C-alpha cells in the first residue's frame, strides 16, 4: 500500500502476449503423406488450370472487362450470378458437412493457408536445416553464413509469392498475354497492383504470420464449435492410456514418455495432451509423431489419434465410431446439400444458351404510319452465350396482323451480344382500344430450332 511518503509502484499490464517463435519439426507418416498429396493436387490445379486451352481460348477465365466468365465449355454472364451464389452455398454446406463428420480436416489438409505454409516451411528446411539447426541459426549473431541463408530463404519465398500472384491474376487476364507483359516490363497498373498484392499476402501469411492467421485472423476457428458434437472426429489424446507419464516405459507408468514430439511437430505450437483447443487445425502431425515414438518403444499405435469425445468416454472401436456417422445433424446437412446440388446441376443442364432483352424506344411513342398502321420501335439485345455462331429468326406475335418492318433475322457470333433496332407494325383495327397491348418477341436459331427464347414487350396504340 502506498503512503504519502512512499510513491506507488506502477505496474505494466500486457493485454496481448508477445508471439513466441514456433519451429515445427518435420513430421513423417501416413497423415504427412496425405497432407503433401493435397499440396500437390491443389497446386497442380491452381498453377496448371490457367494454361489449359478450350475452343481456342483459356479454359478458365474470368474476364471482368468483357463481363464473361469462361469455365471450360460454359460461358456465364452477369445475368447468371445466381449460379455463382448457388456454388458458394454448395461450398458452405459441404464445409459444414465435412466439419460435422471429421472436424477441421479442411484446415489441416487443404486450406490455402496450410498448403502455402507447408510449402514455405519445406523451403525453409531445405535452406536453413532441420528444427534444431534453425533454432541455432536464429540465436547466433549475424554472420556471412547467416545472412546468406536468410537472404536465400526470403528470395525463394518472394519468387514463389510473385509466381503465385501472377498465376492468380492469370485467371482474370489471359495468362499468356500476362506473362508476355511481365517479360517485356509492360504490365498495366491494375495487373501490377494485384500481382503485388497477392504476392505480398502469400509472402506475409505463409512466411511470417503462419499460425497467427489460423489463431487470430481466420473466423472459422471461432465458430467451428457450433458444428461439433460428441460424435465429431477430432485429434485427441488418450489420457487413460498415456497417464501417468514417464521418461521411459516402466511399471505403473502410462505409454506417454513425455518426449514432447507431439508439441514439436505442431504448426500452431499447442500441446494436444491438454485436450481439444481452438488452435488445433486437425493436421494430425502429432498423430504421425506419436505413432513413430510408439513404434520405437514397442507400444501400440494410437495414443494420439482421430477419435470422438463419445468414443473416448465409452472406449469405442473404429467400427462403433463409424456407426455414429449417419446421425441427424449429418443427415440434415447431406439432404440439404444433395437438394441444392441437384437443383444446381439441373438448372445448368436445362439452361438455354440464349438470352433476349427487349427495350421499347421511349423517345418514339406509338405512331401512325402509312396505310393506317401503328408502329412502335424496339431495341433488341441478343446474347448468344454459347461459343457457336448462329443466325436467328425474329418473330413477333400477340396482335392479329402484327409484323416486323425490315429484316427479320440477325447473325450473332459465339459468346457475344448484338444490339438491334426493329420496327413493329400492327393494323389499328386489330388493336381497337388505345393504350398498351402485350406482345411477344420470339428468337429462334435457324440451324437449331430447339434453340429459341421468348420475351414479352408492350405495344402502344395512340389515341
Protein backbone atom coordinates (compact mmCIF):
# COMPACT_ATOMS: atom_id res chain seq x y z
CA UNK A 1 0.00 0.00 0.00
CA UNK A 2 1.33 3.45 -0.88
CA UNK A 3 1.52 6.27 1.67
CA UNK A 4 2.08 9.99 1.22
CA UNK A 5 5.79 9.36 1.89
CA UNK A 6 6.18 6.31 -0.40
CA UNK A 7 5.22 6.67 -4.07
CA UNK A 8 3.01 3.99 -5.60
CA UNK A 9 4.70 1.49 -7.89
CA UNK A 10 3.36 1.39 -11.43
CA UNK A 11 2.52 -1.98 -12.94
CA UNK A 12 2.51 -2.76 -16.64
CA UNK A 13 -0.39 -4.93 -17.68
CA UNK A 14 0.07 -6.51 -21.12
CA UNK A 15 -3.21 -7.06 -22.92
CA UNK A 16 -1.61 -9.18 -25.64
CA UNK A 17 1.06 -11.80 -25.16
CA UNK A 18 4.14 -11.48 -27.30
CA UNK A 19 4.39 -14.03 -30.09
CA UNK A 20 6.73 -16.91 -29.40
CA UNK A 21 8.52 -18.21 -32.48
CA UNK A 22 7.43 -21.71 -33.41
CA UNK A 23 9.90 -24.09 -35.05
CA UNK A 24 7.82 -27.06 -36.23
CA UNK A 25 9.72 -30.31 -36.63
CA UNK A 26 9.12 -32.17 -39.89
CA UNK A 27 6.60 -34.96 -39.37
CA UNK A 28 6.69 -38.21 -41.31
CA UNK A 29 3.90 -40.71 -41.54
CA UNK A 30 0.58 -41.52 -43.15
CA UNK A 31 -1.06 -38.16 -42.49
CA UNK A 32 2.04 -36.21 -43.55
CA UNK A 33 1.96 -38.08 -46.87
CA UNK A 34 -1.75 -37.34 -47.23
CA UNK A 35 -1.13 -33.67 -46.49
CA UNK A 36 1.57 -33.50 -49.17
CA UNK A 37 -0.73 -35.26 -51.61
CA UNK A 38 -3.25 -32.46 -51.01
CA UNK A 39 -0.49 -29.89 -51.54
CA UNK A 40 0.45 -31.41 -54.88
CA UNK A 41 -3.15 -31.81 -56.02
CA UNK A 42 -4.27 -28.29 -55.13
CA UNK A 43 -1.18 -26.62 -56.58
CA UNK A 44 -1.22 -28.61 -59.82
CA UNK A 45 -4.81 -27.45 -60.29
CA UNK A 46 -4.09 -23.84 -59.27
CA UNK A 47 -0.91 -23.36 -61.28
CA UNK A 48 -1.88 -25.54 -64.25
CA UNK A 49 -5.51 -24.60 -64.88
CA UNK A 50 -4.86 -21.16 -66.46
CA UNK A 51 -2.63 -22.79 -69.11
CA UNK A 52 -5.29 -25.19 -70.38
CA UNK A 53 -6.97 -24.30 -73.67
CA UNK A 54 -10.58 -24.87 -74.65
CA UNK A 55 -12.05 -23.96 -78.05
CA UNK A 56 -9.03 -21.82 -78.83
CA UNK A 57 -9.15 -19.82 -75.61
CA UNK A 58 -8.15 -20.13 -71.97
CA UNK A 59 -10.23 -22.89 -70.37
CA UNK A 60 -10.92 -20.98 -67.14
CA UNK A 61 -11.00 -17.20 -67.47
CA UNK A 62 -12.98 -14.63 -65.51
CA UNK A 63 -12.91 -11.76 -67.99
CA UNK A 64 -14.19 -8.87 -65.90
CA UNK A 65 -13.64 -6.32 -68.68
CA UNK A 66 -15.86 -8.21 -71.12
CA UNK A 67 -18.13 -9.35 -68.25
CA UNK A 68 -17.84 -13.00 -69.24
CA UNK A 69 -16.81 -16.00 -67.15
CA UNK A 70 -15.42 -18.90 -69.17
CA UNK A 71 -15.38 -22.26 -67.40
CA UNK A 72 -14.39 -24.87 -69.96
CA UNK A 73 -17.43 -25.12 -72.28
CA UNK A 74 -19.62 -22.94 -70.09
CA UNK A 75 -19.89 -19.18 -70.60
CA UNK A 76 -21.53 -17.22 -67.78
CA UNK A 77 -22.68 -13.61 -67.97
CA UNK A 78 -23.61 -11.11 -65.24
CA UNK A 79 -27.21 -12.31 -65.55
CA UNK A 80 -26.01 -15.74 -64.42
CA UNK A 81 -24.89 -14.52 -61.00
CA UNK A 82 -27.40 -16.92 -59.43
CA UNK A 83 -25.12 -19.82 -60.40
CA UNK A 84 -22.20 -18.27 -58.53
CA UNK A 85 -24.41 -17.77 -55.48
CA UNK A 86 -25.56 -21.40 -55.68
CA UNK A 87 -21.96 -22.57 -55.98
CA UNK A 88 -20.97 -20.62 -52.85
CA UNK A 89 -23.91 -22.13 -50.95
CA UNK A 90 -22.85 -25.61 -52.05
CA UNK A 91 -19.30 -24.98 -50.83
CA UNK A 92 -20.61 -23.69 -47.50
CA UNK A 93 -22.85 -26.70 -46.90
CA UNK A 94 -20.07 -29.05 -47.97
CA UNK A 95 -17.78 -27.42 -45.41
CA UNK A 96 -20.46 -27.75 -42.73
CA UNK A 97 -20.95 -31.43 -43.58
CA UNK A 98 -17.23 -32.24 -43.56
CA UNK A 99 -16.78 -30.34 -40.27
CA UNK A 100 -19.67 -32.16 -38.60
CA UNK A 101 -18.18 -35.52 -39.59
CA UNK A 102 -14.41 -35.01 -39.41
CA UNK A 103 -13.74 -31.71 -37.66
CA UNK A 104 -11.17 -29.35 -39.17
CA UNK A 105 -9.72 -31.64 -41.83
CA UNK A 106 -10.18 -28.84 -44.37
CA UNK A 107 -7.94 -26.60 -42.26
CA UNK A 108 -5.34 -29.29 -41.72
CA UNK A 109 -5.03 -30.60 -45.26
CA UNK A 110 -6.46 -28.35 -47.99
CA UNK A 111 -6.81 -24.77 -46.71
CA UNK A 112 -4.61 -22.39 -48.78
CA UNK A 113 -3.03 -21.08 -45.58
CA UNK A 114 -1.99 -24.59 -44.57
CA UNK A 115 -0.87 -25.53 -48.08
CA UNK A 116 1.37 -22.49 -48.59
CA UNK A 117 2.72 -22.62 -45.05
CA UNK A 118 3.71 -26.23 -45.70
CA UNK A 119 5.47 -25.23 -48.93
CA UNK A 120 7.24 -22.29 -47.29
CA UNK A 121 8.39 -24.45 -44.36
CA UNK A 122 9.74 -27.03 -46.82
CA UNK A 123 11.82 -24.28 -48.47
CA UNK A 124 12.95 -23.12 -45.04
CA UNK A 125 14.09 -26.61 -44.05
CA UNK A 126 15.97 -27.09 -47.31
CA UNK A 127 17.93 -23.83 -46.84
CA UNK A 128 18.29 -23.40 -43.06
CA UNK A 129 18.18 -27.01 -41.96
CA UNK A 130 16.10 -29.05 -39.54
CA UNK A 131 14.40 -27.69 -36.42
CA UNK A 132 17.48 -27.68 -34.18
CA UNK A 133 19.60 -26.06 -36.90
CA UNK A 134 17.02 -23.30 -37.41
CA UNK A 135 16.90 -22.59 -33.68
CA UNK A 136 20.69 -22.35 -33.50
CA UNK A 137 20.81 -20.14 -36.60
CA UNK A 138 18.31 -17.66 -35.13
CA UNK A 139 20.15 -17.50 -31.79
CA UNK A 140 23.62 -16.96 -33.18
CA UNK A 141 24.89 -13.45 -34.07
CA UNK A 142 24.74 -12.21 -37.63
CA UNK A 143 27.45 -13.61 -39.89
CA UNK A 144 28.06 -14.06 -43.59
CA UNK A 145 26.62 -17.58 -43.45
CA UNK A 146 23.50 -16.49 -41.57
CA UNK A 147 22.94 -13.55 -43.91
CA UNK A 148 23.37 -15.78 -46.96
CA UNK A 149 20.90 -18.41 -45.67
CA UNK A 150 18.30 -15.86 -44.62
CA UNK A 151 18.62 -13.98 -47.92
CA UNK A 152 18.32 -17.17 -49.95
CA UNK A 153 15.23 -18.24 -48.00
CA UNK A 154 13.42 -14.94 -48.42
CA UNK A 155 14.43 -14.71 -52.09
CA UNK A 156 12.89 -18.14 -52.69
CA UNK A 157 9.77 -17.15 -50.76
CA UNK A 158 9.40 -13.93 -52.76
CA UNK A 159 9.94 -15.72 -56.07
CA UNK A 160 7.23 -18.25 -55.25
CA UNK A 161 4.93 -15.49 -53.99
CA UNK A 162 5.32 -13.46 -57.18
CA UNK A 163 4.68 -16.53 -59.31
CA UNK A 164 1.60 -17.25 -57.21
CA UNK A 165 0.37 -13.65 -57.60
CA UNK A 166 0.90 -13.78 -61.38
CA UNK A 167 -0.98 -17.08 -61.58
CA UNK A 168 -3.88 -15.65 -59.59
CA UNK A 169 -4.14 -12.62 -61.89
CA UNK A 170 -3.89 -15.07 -64.82
CA UNK A 171 -7.41 -16.22 -64.00
CA UNK A 172 -8.70 -12.70 -64.77
CA UNK A 173 -6.30 -11.64 -67.53
CA UNK A 174 -5.28 -14.16 -70.24
CA UNK A 175 -2.21 -15.73 -68.69
CA UNK A 176 -0.15 -15.93 -71.88
CA UNK A 177 -0.63 -12.23 -72.54
CA UNK A 178 0.12 -11.50 -68.88
CA UNK A 179 3.42 -13.41 -68.98
CA UNK A 180 4.38 -11.52 -72.15
CA UNK A 181 3.65 -8.20 -70.45
CA UNK A 182 5.71 -9.20 -67.41
CA UNK A 183 8.62 -10.33 -69.59
CA UNK A 184 8.58 -7.05 -71.55
CA UNK A 185 8.06 -4.95 -68.39
CA UNK A 186 4.83 -3.67 -69.89
CA UNK A 187 2.47 -4.74 -67.12
CA UNK A 188 -0.53 -2.46 -66.68
CA UNK A 189 -1.14 -0.65 -63.37
CA UNK A 190 -4.06 -2.79 -62.24
CA UNK A 191 -2.37 -6.07 -63.13
CA UNK A 192 0.82 -4.91 -61.39
CA UNK A 193 -1.15 -3.92 -58.29
CA UNK A 194 -2.96 -7.26 -57.97
CA UNK A 195 0.13 -9.35 -58.71
CA UNK A 196 1.97 -7.42 -55.99
CA UNK A 197 -0.97 -7.53 -53.58
CA UNK A 198 -1.49 -11.28 -53.86
CA UNK A 199 2.26 -11.92 -53.74
CA UNK A 200 2.57 -9.82 -50.58
CA UNK A 201 -0.39 -11.63 -49.00
CA UNK A 202 1.17 -15.02 -49.77
CA UNK A 203 4.60 -13.96 -48.52
CA UNK A 204 3.23 -12.39 -45.32
CA UNK A 205 0.69 -15.07 -44.43
CA UNK A 206 2.74 -18.18 -45.20
CA UNK A 207 6.20 -16.82 -44.44
CA UNK A 208 5.71 -14.58 -41.42
CA UNK A 209 2.32 -14.87 -39.76
CA UNK A 210 1.69 -18.58 -40.29
CA UNK A 211 -0.16 -19.89 -37.22
CA UNK A 212 -1.25 -16.35 -36.32
CA UNK A 213 -3.60 -16.39 -39.30
CA UNK A 214 -5.26 -19.58 -38.04
CA UNK A 215 -5.38 -18.45 -34.41
CA UNK A 216 -6.46 -14.82 -34.73
CA UNK A 217 -7.45 -13.89 -38.28
CA UNK A 218 -9.49 -16.86 -39.53
CA UNK A 219 -13.12 -16.71 -38.35
CA UNK A 220 -13.64 -20.41 -38.99
CA UNK A 221 -11.68 -21.32 -35.86
CA UNK A 222 -14.12 -19.26 -33.78
CA UNK A 223 -17.43 -20.68 -34.95
CA UNK A 224 -16.39 -24.25 -35.78
CA UNK A 225 -17.62 -25.48 -32.39
CA UNK A 226 -21.18 -24.74 -33.47
CA UNK A 227 -20.87 -27.66 -35.92
CA UNK A 228 -19.15 -30.05 -33.50
CA UNK A 229 -20.88 -32.62 -31.34
CA UNK A 230 -19.74 -35.62 -29.30
CA UNK A 231 -19.51 -37.76 -32.44
CA UNK A 232 -17.32 -35.39 -34.49
CA UNK A 233 -13.90 -36.78 -35.31
CA UNK A 234 -11.11 -34.78 -33.67
CA UNK A 235 -7.43 -35.29 -32.96
CA UNK A 236 -7.38 -36.44 -29.36
CA UNK A 237 -5.00 -37.81 -26.74
CA UNK A 238 -5.91 -40.99 -24.86
CA UNK A 239 -5.22 -39.85 -21.31
CA UNK A 240 -6.43 -43.11 -19.77
CA UNK A 241 -3.72 -44.97 -21.64
CA UNK A 242 -0.98 -42.33 -21.58
CA UNK A 243 -1.06 -41.18 -17.93
CA UNK A 244 0.88 -41.05 -15.71
CA UNK A 245 3.73 -40.03 -17.95
CA UNK A 246 7.25 -41.26 -17.53
CA UNK A 247 10.63 -40.54 -19.07
CA UNK A 248 10.80 -44.17 -20.16
CA UNK A 249 8.40 -47.16 -20.16
CA UNK A 250 8.12 -48.54 -16.63
CA UNK A 251 5.76 -50.43 -14.38
CA UNK A 252 2.89 -48.24 -13.22
CA UNK A 253 3.54 -45.63 -15.93
CA UNK A 254 1.42 -44.83 -18.97
CA UNK A 255 2.53 -45.13 -22.58
CA UNK A 256 3.35 -41.41 -22.87
CA UNK A 257 7.08 -40.95 -22.24
CA UNK A 258 6.73 -37.15 -22.24
CA UNK A 259 9.06 -36.74 -25.24
CA UNK A 260 7.16 -33.63 -26.42
CA UNK A 261 7.39 -34.77 -30.05
CA UNK A 262 3.68 -34.02 -30.47
CA UNK A 263 4.34 -30.41 -29.44
CA UNK A 264 7.46 -30.04 -31.59
CA UNK A 265 5.68 -31.03 -34.82
CA UNK A 266 2.55 -28.94 -34.18
CA UNK A 267 2.35 -25.99 -36.63
CA UNK A 268 0.37 -23.94 -34.10
CA UNK A 269 2.55 -24.86 -31.10
CA UNK A 270 -0.12 -26.43 -28.88
CA UNK A 271 0.06 -29.48 -26.63
CA UNK A 272 -2.71 -31.84 -27.73
CA UNK A 273 -2.42 -33.65 -24.38
CA UNK A 274 -4.21 -30.69 -22.77
CA UNK A 275 -7.39 -31.54 -24.68
CA UNK A 276 -9.15 -30.05 -27.68
CA UNK A 277 -8.14 -26.42 -28.31
CA UNK A 278 -9.45 -24.00 -30.89
CA UNK A 279 -5.91 -23.55 -32.23
CA UNK A 280 -5.82 -27.21 -33.35
CA UNK A 281 -6.26 -27.33 -37.13
CA UNK A 282 -6.63 -31.12 -37.27
CA UNK A 283 -3.50 -31.69 -39.38
CA UNK A 284 -2.65 -34.88 -37.44
CA UNK A 285 1.09 -34.13 -37.43
CA UNK A 286 1.07 -35.06 -33.75
CA UNK A 287 -0.53 -38.40 -34.63
CA UNK A 288 2.33 -39.25 -37.01
CA UNK A 289 4.97 -38.15 -34.48
CA UNK A 290 3.42 -40.11 -31.62
CA UNK A 291 2.96 -43.23 -33.74
CA UNK A 292 6.66 -43.08 -34.61
CA UNK A 293 7.58 -42.90 -30.93
CA UNK A 294 5.23 -45.77 -30.06
CA UNK A 295 6.91 -47.89 -32.74
CA UNK A 296 10.32 -47.21 -31.18
CA UNK A 297 9.29 -48.13 -27.63
CA UNK A 298 7.25 -51.15 -28.72
CA UNK A 299 3.85 -49.79 -27.65
CA UNK A 300 0.64 -49.93 -29.73
CA UNK A 301 -0.08 -47.00 -32.03
CA UNK A 302 -2.99 -44.67 -31.39
CA UNK A 303 -2.05 -42.91 -28.16
CA UNK A 304 -2.88 -39.78 -30.14
CA UNK A 305 -5.43 -40.49 -32.85
CA UNK A 306 -8.55 -39.37 -34.65
CA UNK A 307 -11.49 -40.22 -32.43
CA UNK A 308 -14.60 -38.64 -30.90
CA UNK A 309 -15.45 -37.45 -27.40
CA UNK A 310 -18.12 -40.14 -27.02
CA UNK A 311 -15.76 -42.86 -28.27
CA UNK A 312 -13.07 -41.82 -25.79
CA UNK A 313 -15.51 -41.84 -22.89
CA UNK A 314 -17.02 -45.22 -23.78
CA UNK A 315 -13.89 -46.83 -25.27
CA UNK A 316 -15.46 -47.49 -28.65
CA UNK A 317 -13.80 -49.28 -31.53
CA UNK A 318 -13.43 -47.81 -35.03
CA UNK A 319 -16.47 -49.84 -36.15
CA UNK A 320 -18.61 -48.34 -33.38
CA UNK A 321 -17.42 -44.85 -34.31
CA UNK A 322 -18.41 -45.49 -37.93
CA UNK A 323 -21.95 -46.40 -36.90
CA UNK A 324 -22.45 -42.89 -35.49
CA UNK A 325 -21.51 -41.11 -38.70
CA UNK A 326 -25.05 -41.06 -40.10
CA UNK A 327 -26.63 -39.14 -37.25
CA UNK A 328 -29.39 -36.45 -37.54
CA UNK A 329 -27.04 -33.48 -37.94
CA UNK A 330 -25.12 -35.20 -40.74
CA UNK A 331 -28.30 -36.39 -42.44
CA UNK A 332 -29.75 -32.86 -42.45
CA UNK A 333 -26.58 -31.39 -43.96
CA UNK A 334 -26.39 -34.21 -46.52
CA UNK A 335 -30.02 -33.85 -47.57
CA UNK A 336 -29.81 -30.09 -47.98
CA UNK A 337 -26.54 -30.41 -49.90
CA UNK A 338 -27.97 -33.08 -52.20
CA UNK A 339 -31.06 -30.98 -52.95
CA UNK A 340 -29.02 -27.86 -53.71
CA UNK A 341 -26.56 -29.78 -55.92
CA UNK A 342 -29.43 -31.46 -57.78
CA UNK A 343 -31.10 -28.10 -58.39
CA UNK A 344 -27.81 -26.53 -59.47
CA UNK A 345 -26.95 -29.32 -61.92
CA UNK A 346 -30.49 -29.46 -63.31
CA UNK A 347 -30.57 -25.71 -63.82
CA UNK A 348 -27.25 -25.78 -65.67
CA UNK A 349 -28.36 -28.73 -67.82
CA UNK A 350 -31.66 -27.06 -68.77
CA UNK A 351 -30.11 -23.62 -69.23
CA UNK A 352 -30.79 -22.10 -72.65
CA UNK A 353 -27.60 -20.54 -74.05
CA UNK A 354 -29.60 -17.64 -75.47
CA UNK A 355 -30.98 -14.51 -73.87
CA UNK A 356 -33.11 -11.71 -75.24
CA UNK A 357 -33.80 -8.30 -73.71
CA UNK A 358 -36.43 -6.06 -75.30
CA UNK A 359 -36.48 -2.34 -74.61
CA UNK A 360 -39.10 -0.16 -76.24
CA UNK A 361 -37.78 3.12 -77.63
CA UNK A 362 -39.20 5.64 -75.18
CA UNK A 363 -38.15 8.53 -77.38
CA UNK A 364 -40.55 7.33 -80.05
CA UNK A 365 -44.06 6.59 -78.82
CA UNK A 366 -46.52 4.61 -80.87
CA UNK A 367 -47.24 6.47 -84.07
CA UNK A 368 -49.44 6.05 -87.13
CA UNK A 369 -47.64 5.48 -90.43
CA UNK A 370 -48.78 4.79 -93.99
CA UNK A 371 -51.76 2.55 -94.69
CA UNK A 372 -53.18 3.19 -91.21
CA UNK A 373 -50.63 1.01 -89.45
CA UNK A 374 -49.42 1.71 -85.90
CA UNK A 375 -45.64 1.49 -85.47
CA UNK A 376 -43.53 1.01 -82.34
CA UNK A 377 -39.73 0.91 -82.25
CA UNK A 378 -37.83 -1.53 -80.03
CA UNK A 379 -34.21 -2.26 -79.22
CA UNK A 380 -33.37 -5.96 -79.03
CA UNK A 381 -30.31 -7.07 -77.06
CA UNK A 382 -29.43 -10.58 -78.23
CA UNK A 383 -26.95 -12.54 -76.10
CA UNK A 384 -25.55 -15.73 -77.58
CA UNK A 385 -23.98 -17.38 -74.53
CA UNK A 386 -22.77 -20.44 -76.44
CA UNK A 387 -19.46 -20.44 -78.29
CA UNK A 388 -21.09 -21.23 -81.65
CA UNK A 389 -22.20 -18.52 -84.06
CA UNK A 390 -25.91 -18.62 -85.01
CA UNK A 391 -28.28 -16.80 -87.32
CA UNK A 392 -31.57 -16.12 -85.55
CA UNK A 393 -35.04 -15.58 -86.96
CA UNK A 394 -37.06 -12.87 -85.23
CA UNK A 395 -40.83 -13.24 -84.96
CA UNK A 396 -43.43 -11.17 -83.15
CA UNK A 397 -46.94 -12.14 -82.10
CA UNK A 398 -49.73 -11.11 -79.76
CA UNK A 399 -51.84 -8.90 -82.01
CA UNK A 400 -53.56 -10.02 -85.21
CA UNK A 401 -51.66 -8.83 -88.27
CA UNK A 402 -48.59 -7.66 -86.32
CA UNK A 403 -45.38 -7.82 -88.35
CA UNK A 404 -41.78 -6.70 -88.40
CA UNK A 405 -40.84 -3.90 -90.79
CA UNK A 406 -37.44 -4.71 -92.27
CA UNK A 407 -35.06 -7.62 -91.79
CA UNK A 408 -36.42 -10.48 -89.70
CA UNK A 409 -33.14 -12.22 -88.91
CA UNK A 410 -29.80 -11.44 -87.29
CA UNK A 411 -26.41 -13.18 -87.07
CA UNK A 412 -24.67 -13.27 -83.69
CA UNK A 413 -21.15 -14.56 -83.10
CA UNK A 414 -20.40 -17.06 -80.34
CA UNK A 415 -20.17 -15.72 -76.78
CA UNK A 416 -21.14 -12.24 -77.88
CA UNK A 417 -24.04 -9.80 -77.94
CA UNK A 418 -25.69 -7.78 -80.62
CA UNK A 419 -28.00 -4.78 -80.31
CA UNK A 420 -30.64 -4.49 -82.99
CA UNK A 421 -33.31 -1.83 -83.60
CA UNK A 422 -36.56 -3.20 -85.02
CA UNK A 423 -39.82 -1.60 -86.06
CA UNK A 424 -43.07 -3.42 -85.31
CA UNK A 425 -46.30 -2.55 -87.09
CA UNK A 426 -49.88 -3.60 -86.46
CA UNK A 427 -53.22 -2.50 -88.01
CA UNK A 428 -55.25 -0.17 -85.83
CA UNK A 429 -58.29 -2.37 -86.38
CA UNK A 430 -56.54 -5.30 -84.68
CA UNK A 431 -55.95 -3.22 -81.55
CA UNK A 432 -59.11 -1.15 -81.43
CA UNK A 433 -58.52 0.17 -77.93
CA UNK A 434 -55.81 2.72 -77.38
CA UNK A 435 -53.18 2.14 -74.70
CA UNK A 436 -50.76 -0.74 -74.13
CA UNK A 437 -51.07 -4.26 -75.51
CA UNK A 438 -48.91 -7.24 -74.62
CA UNK A 439 -46.87 -8.77 -77.44
CA UNK A 440 -44.20 -11.48 -77.61
CA UNK A 441 -40.86 -11.48 -79.41
CA UNK A 442 -39.59 -14.91 -80.39
CA UNK A 443 -35.97 -15.63 -81.29
CA UNK A 444 -35.16 -18.97 -82.99
CA UNK A 445 -31.82 -20.27 -84.30
CA UNK A 446 -32.18 -21.16 -87.97
CA UNK A 447 -29.69 -24.03 -87.67
CA UNK A 448 -31.17 -25.36 -84.42
CA UNK A 449 -34.94 -24.83 -83.95
CA UNK A 450 -34.68 -26.14 -80.38
CA UNK A 451 -32.61 -23.07 -79.52
CA UNK A 452 -35.32 -20.48 -79.01
CA UNK A 453 -36.39 -17.92 -76.45
CA UNK A 454 -39.39 -15.63 -75.95
CA UNK A 455 -39.59 -12.23 -74.31
CA UNK A 456 -42.68 -10.09 -73.81
CA UNK A 457 -43.00 -6.37 -74.52
CA UNK A 458 -45.66 -3.65 -74.66
CA UNK A 459 -47.13 -2.30 -77.89
CA UNK A 460 -48.55 1.23 -77.58
CA UNK A 461 -51.57 2.31 -79.60
CA UNK A 462 -52.01 6.14 -79.52
CA UNK A 463 -55.38 7.82 -79.24
